[in-house]
Amino acid sequence: MTANPKDDTSHPHVQLVCVEINRFRRLQSVIAPIDPKTTVFVGANNSGKTSVLNAIRTVSYTHLRAH
């Protein structure tokens, strides 16, 4: 994640550029580049789409609580 220097420091902007997930739920190894405009996860039922989002949410929540 990278901070956007154009925003004021009281509310920094965080932008995901790539997600790497290892051994989270049923996901063993996932590397997903994130486009700044649109990223779509497509797959069959039970293929891990929601697990990717949950991994991002878990890290984001943990990061926010630490600061």
Protein backbone atom coordinates (compact mmCIF):
# COMPACT_ATOMS: atom_id res chain seq x y z
CA MET A 1 0.00 0.00 0.00
CA THR A 2 1.23 3.49 -0.76
CA ALA A 3 0.15 6.84 0.63
CA ASN A 4 -0.91 9.59 -1.72
CA PRO A 5 1.17 12.72 -0.93
CA LYS A 6 -1.48 15.06 -2.41
CA ASP A 7 -3.82 14.50 0.56
CA ASP A 8 -3.38 16.30 3.84
CA THR A 9 -1.63 14.37 6.61
CA SER A 10 -4.69 14.24 8.88
CA HIS A 11 -6.52 11.96 6.42
CA PRO A 12 -3.91 10.13 4.35
CA HIS A 13 -5.09 8.33 1.24
CA VAL A 14 -4.04 4.71 0.94
CA GLN A 15 -4.03 2.98 -2.41
CA LEU A 16 -3.59 -0.73 -2.96
CA VAL A 17 -1.39 -1.50 -5.93
CA CYS A 18 -0.96 -5.24 -5.44
CA VAL A 19 -2.23 -7.90 -3.06
CA GLU A 20 -0.20 -10.96 -2.12
CA ILE A 21 -1.93 -13.58 0.00
CA ASN A 22 -0.31 -16.70 1.39
CA ARG A 23 -2.17 -19.41 3.31
CA PHE A 24 -5.33 -17.47 4.16
CA ARG A 25 -8.41 -19.66 4.46
CA ARG A 26 -8.48 -21.83 1.32
CA LEU A 27 -6.06 -19.59 -0.61
CA GLN A 28 -2.51 -20.94 -0.77
CA SER A 29 -0.72 -18.33 -2.89
CA VAL A 30 -2.37 -15.41 -4.67
CA ILE A 31 -0.79 -12.35 -6.25
CA ALA A 32 -3.31 -9.87 -7.65
CA PRO A 33 -2.34 -6.51 -9.16
CA ILE A 34 -4.91 -3.84 -8.35
CA ASP A 35 -5.86 -1.30 -11.03
CA PRO A 36 -6.46 2.19 -9.60
CA LYS A 37 -9.74 2.52 -11.53
CA THR A 38 -11.36 -0.92 -11.62
CA THR A 39 -10.46 -4.39 -10.42
CA VAL A 40 -12.87 -7.30 -10.80
CA PHE A 41 -12.49 -10.74 -9.25
CA VAL A 42 -14.22 -13.37 -11.37
CA GLY A 43 -14.44 -17.06 -10.59
CA ALA A 44 -16.66 -20.01 -9.92
CA ASN A 45 -18.55 -20.37 -6.69
CA ASN A 46 -16.30 -21.29 -3.78
CA SER A 47 -13.12 -20.30 -5.68
CA GLY A 48 -11.89 -17.71 -3.16
CA LYS A 49 -13.22 -14.34 -4.37
CA THR A 50 -14.66 -13.47 -0.98
CA SER A 51 -11.55 -14.79 0.77
CA VAL A 52 -9.45 -12.25 -1.16
CA LEU A 53 -11.73 -9.43 0.01
CA ASN A 54 -11.72 -10.77 3.58
CA ALA A 55 -7.92 -10.88 3.58
CA ILE A 56 -7.77 -7.24 2.45
CA ARG A 57 -10.35 -6.27 5.09
CA THR A 58 -8.44 -8.14 7.83
CA VAL A 59 -5.14 -6.43 7.02
CA SER A 60 -6.80 -3.03 6.65
CA TYR A 61 -8.59 -3.33 9.97
CA THR A 62 -5.44 -4.52 11.75
CA HIS A 63 -3.42 -1.68 10.19
CA LEU A 64 -5.99 0.95 11.21
CA ARG A 65 -6.19 -0.32 14.78
CA ALA A 66 -2.41 -0.14 15.09
CA HIS A 67 -2.38 3.57 14.18
